[in-house]
Amino acid sequence: MKRFGITILLTSLLISAPAAAQNANVDKRVERLEQEIRAIQRKVFPGGSTRYFEPEITAESAPSSSANANTTSAVTDLIARVDALENSLANLTGQVEENGFRLKKIEDRLAATDMPAAGPTSANSSGSEPKTVTEAAPDPERVVGVAAIVKPDTGDSGEDAYIYGYRLWDAKFYPEAQAQLKKMAEDEPGHRRASFAQNLLGRAYLDDGKPALASVALYENYQKRPRGERAPDSLYFLSTALVQLGKKADACRVLAELQDVYPEAASGRLADRVTSGKAAANCK
């Protein structure tokens, strides 16, 4: 069975189009992505920092005997820049969301101990009494709900970590489930349940309205664990994330890859999902 990587497949399709049209299209994508990355960096690095994550790509130049070859090389370089920028954008978005989640946990702890997180301690310029900042207390129902999720203890750390993450997701505590599942996949990369955890991490992002982060998590599961038990599922949910991101053509290519690489799963337990996925993406 001949297998085509999704990234290589998409790149080859772009290169096969007319060079002039590709240049215009890719230039717009590069400009848009660079603007988005700078906007995110202002959140990750406040204070006007001008740091920029250059893509770690070294273009190897080779002499060309025709103008057409030079144009094709330039388009290929631009496509490589776009891929690198999209990865940087997804990673930075993840950093923003993770930083926000950590900040929320710190605020919750401060509120629980009745400690003001910030605020002036002296009288203001008008001579009135100093103002205090009151932090909102954490949702008591959520605190109780999370605490009620039982952590299994079977002696298999990988299995226990995944099951706990699954229970958090099943109870719709999505941020907590994301943190747990991501930690499990990172701490136990060789465990059988790592494929399950990374796939469910992508689903937790989808359920939490974060399709960009979902697409990264799901593609990484397929890329890093192609023989994992949930690799076919990750391709299906990746197509779902792409549809939500408005990339229906890419979603169709992902579903085609699912059928090519995992024909038994695509025609068996995932058959209904493949059919509904194609309908959602308007695949021909």
C-alpha atoms as a PDB file:
ATOM      1  CA  MET A   1       0.000   0.000   0.000  1.00  0.00           C
ATOM      2  CA  LYS A   2       1.482   3.308  -1.068  1.00  0.00           C
ATOM      3  CA  ARG A   3       1.225   5.967   1.595  1.00  0.00           C
ATOM      4  CA  PHE A   4       1.279   9.709   0.928  1.00  0.00           C
ATOM      5  CA  GLY A   5       2.001  12.062   3.829  1.00  0.00           C
ATOM      6  CA  ILE A   6      -0.666  14.727   4.259  1.00  0.00           C
ATOM      7  CA  THR A   7       1.825  17.574   4.282  1.00  0.00           C
ATOM      8  CA  ILE A   8       3.665  16.309   1.192  1.00  0.00           C
ATOM      9  CA  LEU A   9       0.359  15.720  -0.573  1.00  0.00           C
ATOM     10  CA  LEU A  10      -0.862  19.246   0.071  1.00  0.00           C
ATOM     11  CA  THR A  11       2.480  20.747  -0.941  1.00  0.00           C
ATOM     12  CA  SER A  12       2.575  18.830  -4.231  1.00  0.00           C
ATOM     13  CA  LEU A  13      -0.929  19.997  -5.054  1.00  0.00           C
ATOM     14  CA  LEU A  14       0.120  23.597  -4.505  1.00  0.00           C
ATOM     15  CA  ILE A  15       3.222  23.249  -6.667  1.00  0.00           C
ATOM     16  CA  SER A  16       1.255  21.774  -9.551  1.00  0.00           C
ATOM     17  CA  ALA A  17      -0.829  24.967  -9.919  1.00  0.00           C
ATOM     18  CA  PRO A  18       0.333  27.876 -12.111  1.00  0.00           C
ATOM     19  CA  ALA A  19       3.350  29.541 -10.522  1.00  0.00           C
ATOM     20  CA  ALA A  20       2.033  33.092 -10.758  1.00  0.00           C
ATOM     21  CA  ALA A  21      -1.254  32.266  -9.064  1.00  0.00           C
ATOM     22  CA  GLN A  22       0.557  30.356  -6.330  1.00  0.00           C
ATOM     23  CA  ASN A  23       2.909  33.258  -5.662  1.00  0.00           C
ATOM     24  CA  ALA A  24       0.015  35.668  -5.124  1.00  0.00           C
ATOM     25  CA  ASN A  25      -1.911  33.230  -2.952  1.00  0.00           C
ATOM     26  CA  VAL A  26       1.077  32.206  -0.812  1.00  0.00           C
ATOM     27  CA  ASP A  27       2.254  35.802  -0.404  1.00  0.00           C
ATOM     28  CA  LYS A  28      -1.148  36.685   1.054  1.00  0.00           C
ATOM     29  CA  ARG A  29      -1.001  33.678   3.396  1.00  0.00           C
ATOM     30  CA  VAL A  30       2.507  34.598   4.559  1.00  0.00           C
ATOM     31  CA  GLU A  31       1.510  38.211   5.228  1.00  0.00           C
ATOM     32  CA  ARG A  32      -1.641  37.149   7.086  1.00  0.00           C
ATOM     33  CA  LEU A  33       0.156  34.557   9.203  1.00  0.00           C
ATOM     34  CA  GLU A  34       2.991  36.925  10.088  1.00  0.00           C
ATOM     35  CA  GLN A  35       0.432  39.495  11.252  1.00  0.00           C
ATOM     36  CA  GLU A  36      -1.375  36.887  13.359  1.00  0.00           C
ATOM     37  CA  ILE A  37       1.875  35.639  14.906  1.00  0.00           C
ATOM     38  CA  ARG A  38       2.942  39.170  15.822  1.00  0.00           C
ATOM     39  CA  ALA A  39      -0.460  39.790  17.400  1.00  0.00           C
ATOM     40  CA  ILE A  40      -0.150  36.619  19.476  1.00  0.00           C
ATOM     41  CA  GLN A  41       3.417  37.473  20.454  1.00  0.00           C
ATOM     42  CA  ARG A  42       2.182  40.745  21.910  1.00  0.00           C
ATOM     43  CA  LYS A  43       0.044  38.620  24.245  1.00  0.00           C
ATOM     44  CA  VAL A  44       2.748  36.075  25.048  1.00  0.00           C
ATOM     45  CA  PHE A  45       5.483  38.743  25.385  1.00  0.00           C
ATOM     46  CA  PRO A  46       3.776  41.933  26.621  1.00  0.00           C
ATOM     47  CA  GLY A  47       5.599  45.237  26.720  1.00  0.00           C
ATOM     48  CA  GLY A  48       6.248  45.776  23.066  1.00  0.00           C
ATOM     49  CA  SER A  49       8.743  42.964  22.571  1.00  0.00           C
ATOM     50  CA  THR A  50       9.782  42.595  18.967  1.00  0.00           C
ATOM     51  CA  ARG A  51      10.968  39.023  19.234  1.00  0.00           C
ATOM     52  CA  TYR A  52       9.992  36.907  16.301  1.00  0.00           C
ATOM     53  CA  PHE A  53      10.181  33.163  15.819  1.00  0.00           C
ATOM     54  CA  GLU A  54      11.881  32.635  12.479  1.00  0.00           C
ATOM     55  CA  PRO A  55      11.021  29.267  10.884  1.00  0.00           C
ATOM     56  CA  GLU A  56      13.807  26.752  11.383  1.00  0.00           C
ATOM     57  CA  ILE A  57      14.198  26.087   7.664  1.00  0.00           C
ATOM     58  CA  THR A  58      17.397  26.229   5.663  1.00  0.00           C
ATOM     59  CA  ALA A  59      16.721  26.639   1.965  1.00  0.00           C
ATOM     60  CA  GLU A  60      19.251  24.859  -0.185  1.00  0.00           C
ATOM     61  CA  SER A  61      19.790  26.775  -3.390  1.00  0.00           C
ATOM     62  CA  ALA A  62      20.814  25.061  -6.584  1.00  0.00           C
ATOM     63  CA  PRO A  63      21.737  26.570  -9.965  1.00  0.00           C
ATOM     64  CA  SER A  64      18.857  26.573 -12.416  1.00  0.00           C
ATOM     65  CA  SER A  65      18.972  26.716 -16.143  1.00  0.00           C
ATOM     66  CA  SER A  66      15.563  28.302 -16.688  1.00  0.00           C
ATOM     67  CA  ALA A  67      13.360  31.079 -15.262  1.00  0.00           C
ATOM     68  CA  ASN A  68      10.559  28.554 -14.738  1.00  0.00           C
ATOM     69  CA  ALA A  69      12.758  26.475 -12.413  1.00  0.00           C
ATOM     70  CA  ASN A  70      13.614  29.595 -10.385  1.00  0.00           C
ATOM     71  CA  THR A  71       9.914  30.433 -10.063  1.00  0.00           C
ATOM     72  CA  THR A  72       9.077  26.908  -8.905  1.00  0.00           C
ATOM     73  CA  SER A  73      11.904  27.046  -6.332  1.00  0.00           C
ATOM     74  CA  ALA A  74      10.625  30.374  -5.034  1.00  0.00           C
ATOM     75  CA  VAL A  75       7.098  28.993  -4.697  1.00  0.00           C
ATOM     76  CA  THR A  76       8.427  25.936  -2.868  1.00  0.00           C
ATOM     77  CA  ASP A  77      10.335  28.172  -0.436  1.00  0.00           C
ATOM     78  CA  LEU A  78       7.207  30.235   0.181  1.00  0.00           C
ATOM     79  CA  ILE A  79       5.168  27.103   0.858  1.00  0.00           C
ATOM     80  CA  ALA A  80       7.829  25.987   3.356  1.00  0.00           C
ATOM     81  CA  ARG A  81       7.561  29.385   5.047  1.00  0.00           C
ATOM     82  CA  VAL A  82       3.785  29.062   5.249  1.00  0.00           C
ATOM     83  CA  ASP A  83       4.010  25.592   6.824  1.00  0.00           C
ATOM     84  CA  ALA A  84       6.531  26.846   9.389  1.00  0.00           C
ATOM     85  CA  LEU A  85       4.461  29.945  10.155  1.00  0.00           C
ATOM     86  CA  GLU A  86       1.289  27.891  10.611  1.00  0.00           C
ATOM     87  CA  ASN A  87       3.114  25.613  13.083  1.00  0.00           C
ATOM     88  CA  SER A  88       4.468  28.674  14.949  1.00  0.00           C
ATOM     89  CA  LEU A  89       0.979  30.191  15.058  1.00  0.00           C
ATOM     90  CA  ALA A  90      -0.558  27.031  16.495  1.00  0.00           C
ATOM     91  CA  ASN A  91       2.227  26.696  19.091  1.00  0.00           C
ATOM     92  CA  LEU A  92       1.922  30.342  20.145  1.00  0.00           C
ATOM     93  CA  THR A  93      -1.846  30.031  20.393  1.00  0.00           C
ATOM     94  CA  GLY A  94      -1.343  27.043  22.657  1.00  0.00           C
ATOM     95  CA  GLN A  95       1.067  29.045  24.831  1.00  0.00           C
ATOM     96  CA  VAL A  96      -1.482  31.860  25.211  1.00  0.00           C
ATOM     97  CA  GLU A  97      -4.234  29.453  26.245  1.00  0.00           C
ATOM     98  CA  GLU A  98      -1.977  27.499  28.614  1.00  0.00           C
ATOM     99  CA  ASN A  99      -0.711  30.738  30.219  1.00  0.00           C
ATOM    100  CA  GLY A 100      -4.300  31.868  30.667  1.00  0.00           C
ATOM    101  CA  PHE A 101      -5.215  28.565  32.293  1.00  0.00           C
ATOM    102  CA  ARG A 102      -2.231  28.744  34.684  1.00  0.00           C
ATOM    103  CA  LEU A 103      -3.111  32.340  35.592  1.00  0.00           C
ATOM    104  CA  LYS A 104      -6.692  31.278  36.354  1.00  0.00           C
ATOM    105  CA  LYS A 105      -5.417  28.549  38.694  1.00  0.00           C
ATOM    106  CA  ILE A 106      -3.209  31.076  40.536  1.00  0.00           C
ATOM    107  CA  GLU A 107      -6.119  33.483  40.874  1.00  0.00           C
ATOM    108  CA  ASP A 108      -8.317  30.703  42.212  1.00  0.00           C
ATOM    109  CA  ARG A 109      -5.739  29.801  44.867  1.00  0.00           C
ATOM    110  CA  LEU A 110      -5.357  33.441  45.901  1.00  0.00           C
ATOM    111  CA  ALA A 111      -9.116  33.846  46.152  1.00  0.00           C
ATOM    112  CA  ALA A 112      -9.395  30.687  48.224  1.00  0.00           C
ATOM    113  CA  THR A 113      -6.921  32.073  50.797  1.00  0.00           C
ATOM    114  CA  ASP A 114      -8.548  35.547  50.821  1.00  0.00           C
ATOM    115  CA  MET A 115      -5.339  37.138  49.540  1.00  0.00           C
ATOM    116  CA  PRO A 116      -5.777  40.143  47.188  1.00  0.00           C
ATOM    117  CA  ALA A 117      -3.960  39.533  43.916  1.00  0.00           C
ATOM    118  CA  ALA A 118      -3.268  43.212  43.277  1.00  0.00           C
ATOM    119  CA  GLY A 119      -4.352  46.677  44.276  1.00  0.00           C
ATOM    120  CA  PRO A 120      -3.051  49.887  45.890  1.00  0.00           C
ATOM    121  CA  THR A 121      -2.316  49.831  49.623  1.00  0.00           C
ATOM    122  CA  SER A 122      -2.254  53.533  50.306  1.00  0.00           C
ATOM    123  CA  ALA A 123      -4.727  56.378  50.058  1.00  0.00           C
ATOM    124  CA  ASN A 124      -5.334  57.753  46.598  1.00  0.00           C
ATOM    125  CA  SER A 125      -4.560  61.297  45.491  1.00  0.00           C
ATOM    126  CA  SER A 126      -7.986  62.553  46.595  1.00  0.00           C
ATOM    127  CA  GLY A 127      -7.364  61.518  50.187  1.00  0.00           C
ATOM    128  CA  SER A 128     -10.105  58.892  50.257  1.00  0.00           C
ATOM    129  CA  GLU A 129      -9.713  55.419  51.706  1.00  0.00           C
ATOM    130  CA  PRO A 130      -7.570  53.011  49.648  1.00  0.00           C
ATOM    131  CA  LYS A 131      -9.458  50.828  47.201  1.00  0.00           C
ATOM    132  CA  THR A 132      -9.126  47.034  47.275  1.00  0.00           C
ATOM    133  CA  VAL A 133      -9.350  44.588  44.392  1.00  0.00           C
ATOM    134  CA  THR A 134     -11.740  41.712  44.999  1.00  0.00           C
ATOM    135  CA  GLU A 135     -11.035  38.585  43.001  1.00  0.00           C
ATOM    136  CA  ALA A 136     -13.978  36.478  41.904  1.00  0.00           C
ATOM    137  CA  ALA A 137     -14.146  33.250  43.843  1.00  0.00           C
ATOM    138  CA  PRO A 138     -13.887  30.042  41.825  1.00  0.00           C
ATOM    139  CA  ASP A 139     -17.154  28.424  40.871  1.00  0.00           C
ATOM    140  CA  PRO A 140     -17.864  26.232  43.914  1.00  0.00           C
ATOM    141  CA  GLU A 141     -19.847  23.740  41.841  1.00  0.00           C
ATOM    142  CA  ARG A 142     -16.907  23.303  39.452  1.00  0.00           C
ATOM    143  CA  VAL A 143     -14.421  22.873  42.311  1.00  0.00           C
ATOM    144  CA  VAL A 144     -16.633  20.245  43.887  1.00  0.00           C
ATOM    145  CA  GLY A 145     -17.250  18.583  40.532  1.00  0.00           C
ATOM    146  CA  VAL A 146     -13.566  18.262  39.660  1.00  0.00           C
ATOM    147  CA  ALA A 147     -12.742  17.033  43.146  1.00  0.00           C
ATOM    148  CA  ALA A 148     -15.413  14.372  42.774  1.00  0.00           C
ATOM    149  CA  ILE A 149     -13.688  12.814  39.754  1.00  0.00           C
ATOM    150  CA  VAL A 150     -12.026   9.699  41.096  1.00  0.00           C
ATOM    151  CA  LYS A 151      -8.379   9.139  40.211  1.00  0.00           C
ATOM    152  CA  PRO A 152      -7.843   5.434  39.527  1.00  0.00           C
ATOM    153  CA  ASP A 153      -4.985   3.621  41.210  1.00  0.00           C
ATOM    154  CA  THR A 154      -4.380   0.269  39.531  1.00  0.00           C
ATOM    155  CA  GLY A 155      -0.600   0.357  39.650  1.00  0.00           C
ATOM    156  CA  ASP A 156      -0.344   1.116  35.901  1.00  0.00           C
ATOM    157  CA  SER A 157       0.548   4.810  35.864  1.00  0.00           C
ATOM    158  CA  GLY A 158      -0.136   5.265  32.139  1.00  0.00           C
ATOM    159  CA  GLU A 159      -3.521   3.563  32.284  1.00  0.00           C
ATOM    160  CA  ASP A 160      -4.497   5.476  35.420  1.00  0.00           C
ATOM    161  CA  ALA A 161      -3.446   8.827  33.923  1.00  0.00           C
ATOM    162  CA  TYR A 162      -5.454   8.236  30.746  1.00  0.00           C
ATOM    163  CA  ILE A 163      -8.578   7.017  32.552  1.00  0.00           C
ATOM    164  CA  TYR A 164      -8.505  10.051  34.842  1.00  0.00           C
ATOM    165  CA  GLY A 165      -8.211  12.354  31.809  1.00  0.00           C
ATOM    166  CA  TYR A 166     -11.070  10.489  30.137  1.00  0.00           C
ATOM    167  CA  ARG A 167     -13.271  10.933  33.207  1.00  0.00           C
ATOM    168  CA  LEU A 168     -12.550  14.670  33.282  1.00  0.00           C
ATOM    169  CA  TRP A 169     -13.423  14.947  29.577  1.00  0.00           C
ATOM    170  CA  ASP A 170     -16.564  12.847  29.996  1.00  0.00           C
ATOM    171  CA  ALA A 171     -17.672  15.183  32.793  1.00  0.00           C
ATOM    172  CA  LYS A 172     -17.063  18.146  30.432  1.00  0.00           C
ATOM    173  CA  PHE A 173     -14.229  19.631  32.495  1.00  0.00           C
ATOM    174  CA  TYR A 174     -12.358  20.347  29.274  1.00  0.00           C
ATOM    175  CA  PRO A 175      -9.418  22.551  30.458  1.00  0.00           C
ATOM    176  CA  GLU A 176      -8.616  20.094  33.252  1.00  0.00           C
ATOM    177  CA  ALA A 177      -8.939  17.167  30.849  1.00  0.00           C
ATOM    178  CA  GLN A 178      -6.633  18.854  28.334  1.00  0.00           C
ATOM    179  CA  ALA A 179      -3.920  19.373  30.937  1.00  0.00           C
ATOM    180  CA  GLN A 180      -4.218  15.784  32.190  1.00  0.00           C
ATOM    181  CA  LEU A 181      -4.246  14.140  28.746  1.00  0.00           C
ATOM    182  CA  LYS A 182      -1.367  16.239  27.441  1.00  0.00           C
ATOM    183  CA  LYS A 183       0.717  15.341  30.507  1.00  0.00           C
ATOM    184  CA  MET A 184      -0.077  11.642  30.100  1.00  0.00           C
ATOM    185  CA  ALA A 185       1.006  11.611  26.431  1.00  0.00           C
ATOM    186  CA  GLU A 186       4.228  13.448  27.280  1.00  0.00           C
ATOM    187  CA  ASP A 187       5.083  11.395  30.379  1.00  0.00           C
ATOM    188  CA  GLU A 188       4.197   7.978  28.889  1.00  0.00           C
ATOM    189  CA  PRO A 189       4.968   8.287  25.138  1.00  0.00           C
ATOM    190  CA  GLY A 190       5.559   4.561  24.724  1.00  0.00           C
ATOM    191  CA  HIS A 191       2.459   3.441  26.570  1.00  0.00           C
ATOM    192  CA  ARG A 192      -0.406   1.895  24.621  1.00  0.00           C
ATOM    193  CA  ARG A 193      -2.746   4.533  26.010  1.00  0.00           C
ATOM    194  CA  ALA A 194      -0.609   7.420  24.665  1.00  0.00           C
ATOM    195  CA  SER A 195      -2.423   7.125  21.322  1.00  0.00           C
ATOM    196  CA  PHE A 196      -5.752   7.259  23.155  1.00  0.00           C
ATOM    197  CA  ALA A 197      -4.680  10.244  25.273  1.00  0.00           C
ATOM    198  CA  GLN A 198      -3.394  12.341  22.357  1.00  0.00           C
ATOM    199  CA  ASN A 199      -6.510  11.595  20.307  1.00  0.00           C
ATOM    200  CA  LEU A 200      -8.786  12.499  23.213  1.00  0.00           C
ATOM    201  CA  LEU A 201      -6.736  15.663  23.773  1.00  0.00           C
ATOM    202  CA  GLY A 202      -7.658  16.721  20.245  1.00  0.00           C
ATOM    203  CA  ARG A 203     -11.307  15.937  20.910  1.00  0.00           C
ATOM    204  CA  ALA A 204     -11.212  17.914  24.166  1.00  0.00           C
ATOM    205  CA  TYR A 205      -9.908  20.925  22.230  1.00  0.00           C
ATOM    206  CA  LEU A 206     -12.690  20.480  19.665  1.00  0.00           C
ATOM    207  CA  ASP A 207     -15.339  20.257  22.388  1.00  0.00           C
ATOM    208  CA  ASP A 208     -13.835  23.377  23.968  1.00  0.00           C
ATOM    209  CA  GLY A 209     -14.149  25.351  20.709  1.00  0.00           C
ATOM    210  CA  LYS A 210     -10.420  25.313  19.862  1.00  0.00           C
ATOM    211  CA  PRO A 211     -10.121  23.676  16.412  1.00  0.00           C
ATOM    212  CA  ALA A 212      -6.654  25.095  15.692  1.00  0.00           C
ATOM    213  CA  LEU A 213      -5.138  23.433  18.766  1.00  0.00           C
ATOM    214  CA  ALA A 214      -7.167  20.316  18.026  1.00  0.00           C
ATOM    215  CA  SER A 215      -5.695  20.055  14.523  1.00  0.00           C
ATOM    216  CA  VAL A 216      -2.141  20.217  15.907  1.00  0.00           C
ATOM    217  CA  ALA A 217      -2.769  17.578  18.586  1.00  0.00           C
ATOM    218  CA  LEU A 218      -4.551  15.216  16.196  1.00  0.00           C
ATOM    219  CA  TYR A 219      -1.999  15.489  13.405  1.00  0.00           C
ATOM    220  CA  GLU A 220       0.838  14.892  15.894  1.00  0.00           C
ATOM    221  CA  ASN A 221      -0.870  11.712  17.069  1.00  0.00           C
ATOM    222  CA  TYR A 222      -1.092  10.404  13.507  1.00  0.00           C
ATOM    223  CA  GLN A 223       2.449  11.515  12.693  1.00  0.00           C
ATOM    224  CA  LYS A 224       4.158  10.236  15.846  1.00  0.00           C
ATOM    225  CA  ARG A 225       2.067   7.107  16.425  1.00  0.00           C
ATOM    226  CA  PRO A 226       0.868   5.879  13.010  1.00  0.00           C
ATOM    227  CA  ARG A 227       0.450   2.369  14.436  1.00  0.00           C
ATOM    228  CA  GLY A 228      -1.374   3.579  17.537  1.00  0.00           C
ATOM    229  CA  GLU A 229      -4.889   2.312  18.088  1.00  0.00           C
ATOM    230  CA  ARG A 230      -6.409   5.767  17.747  1.00  0.00           C
ATOM    231  CA  ALA A 231      -4.366   7.034  14.781  1.00  0.00           C
ATOM    232  CA  PRO A 232      -7.262   6.433  12.319  1.00  0.00           C
ATOM    233  CA  ASP A 233      -9.647   8.247  14.677  1.00  0.00           C
ATOM    234  CA  SER A 234      -7.254  11.191  14.822  1.00  0.00           C
ATOM    235  CA  LEU A 235      -7.440  11.563  11.045  1.00  0.00           C
ATOM    236  CA  TYR A 236     -11.227  11.641  11.196  1.00  0.00           C
ATOM    237  CA  PHE A 237     -11.295  14.255  13.967  1.00  0.00           C
ATOM    238  CA  LEU A 238      -8.563  16.192  12.144  1.00  0.00           C
ATOM    239  CA  SER A 239     -10.927  16.471   9.180  1.00  0.00           C
ATOM    240  CA  THR A 240     -13.591  17.782  11.567  1.00  0.00           C
ATOM    241  CA  ALA A 241     -11.190  20.438  12.892  1.00  0.00           C
ATOM    242  CA  LEU A 242     -10.265  21.474   9.352  1.00  0.00           C
ATOM    243  CA  VAL A 243     -13.928  21.870   8.406  1.00  0.00           C
ATOM    244  CA  GLN A 244     -14.399  24.148  11.427  1.00  0.00           C
ATOM    245  CA  LEU A 245     -11.364  26.147  10.287  1.00  0.00           C
ATOM    246  CA  GLY A 246     -12.907  26.575   6.841  1.00  0.00           C
ATOM    247  CA  LYS A 247     -10.451  24.221   5.109  1.00  0.00           C
ATOM    248  CA  LYS A 248     -12.834  21.747   3.556  1.00  0.00           C
ATOM    249  CA  ALA A 249     -10.546  20.764   0.664  1.00  0.00           C
ATOM    250  CA  ASP A 250      -7.823  19.797   3.137  1.00  0.00           C
ATOM    251  CA  ALA A 251     -10.402  17.879   5.183  1.00  0.00           C
ATOM    252  CA  CYS A 252     -11.263  15.826   2.104  1.00  0.00           C
ATOM    253  CA  ARG A 253      -7.589  15.003   1.547  1.00  0.00           C
ATOM    254  CA  VAL A 254      -7.279  13.895   5.170  1.00  0.00           C
ATOM    255  CA  LEU A 255     -10.286  11.592   4.816  1.00  0.00           C
ATOM    256  CA  ALA A 256      -8.814  10.173   1.602  1.00  0.00           C
ATOM    257  CA  GLU A 257      -5.609   9.461   3.487  1.00  0.00           C
ATOM    258  CA  LEU A 258      -7.608   7.748   6.221  1.00  0.00           C
ATOM    259  CA  GLN A 259      -9.146   5.434   3.631  1.00  0.00           C
ATOM    260  CA  ASP A 260      -5.779   4.803   1.960  1.00  0.00           C
ATOM    261  CA  VAL A 261      -3.691   4.144   5.087  1.00  0.00           C
ATOM    262  CA  TYR A 262      -6.324   2.481   7.274  1.00  0.00           C
ATOM    263  CA  PRO A 263      -8.777   0.818   4.841  1.00  0.00           C
ATOM    264  CA  GLU A 264     -10.094  -1.679   7.386  1.00  0.00           C
ATOM    265  CA  ALA A 265     -10.940   0.983   9.975  1.00  0.00           C
ATOM    266  CA  ALA A 266     -12.322   3.340   7.311  1.00  0.00           C
ATOM    267  CA  SER A 267     -14.684   0.693   5.962  1.00  0.00           C
ATOM    268  CA  GLY A 268     -15.385  -0.847   9.369  1.00  0.00           C
ATOM    269  CA  ARG A 269     -15.824   0.852  12.727  1.00  0.00           C
ATOM    270  CA  LEU A 270     -15.244   4.355  11.289  1.00  0.00           C
ATOM    271  CA  ALA A 271     -17.384   3.897   8.159  1.00  0.00           C
ATOM    272  CA  ASP A 272     -20.259   6.048   9.386  1.00  0.00           C
ATOM    273  CA  ARG A 273     -17.906   8.786  10.535  1.00  0.00           C
ATOM    274  CA  VAL A 274     -16.061   8.804   7.207  1.00  0.00           C
ATOM    275  CA  THR A 275     -19.366   9.173   5.399  1.00  0.00           C
ATOM    276  CA  SER A 276     -20.544  12.018   7.627  1.00  0.00           C
ATOM    277  CA  GLY A 277     -17.110  13.639   7.435  1.00  0.00           C
ATOM    278  CA  LYS A 278     -17.192  13.663   3.644  1.00  0.00           C
ATOM    279  CA  ALA A 279     -20.665  15.175   3.698  1.00  0.00           C
ATOM    280  CA  ALA A 280     -19.550  17.930   6.110  1.00  0.00           C
ATOM    281  CA  ALA A 281     -16.547  18.750   3.922  1.00  0.00           C
ATOM    282  CA  ASN A 282     -18.508  18.503   0.651  1.00  0.00           C
ATOM    283  CA  CYS A 283     -16.069  15.924  -0.690  1.00  0.00           C
ATOM    284  CA  LYS A 284     -16.679  14.755  -4.250  1.00  0.00           C
END
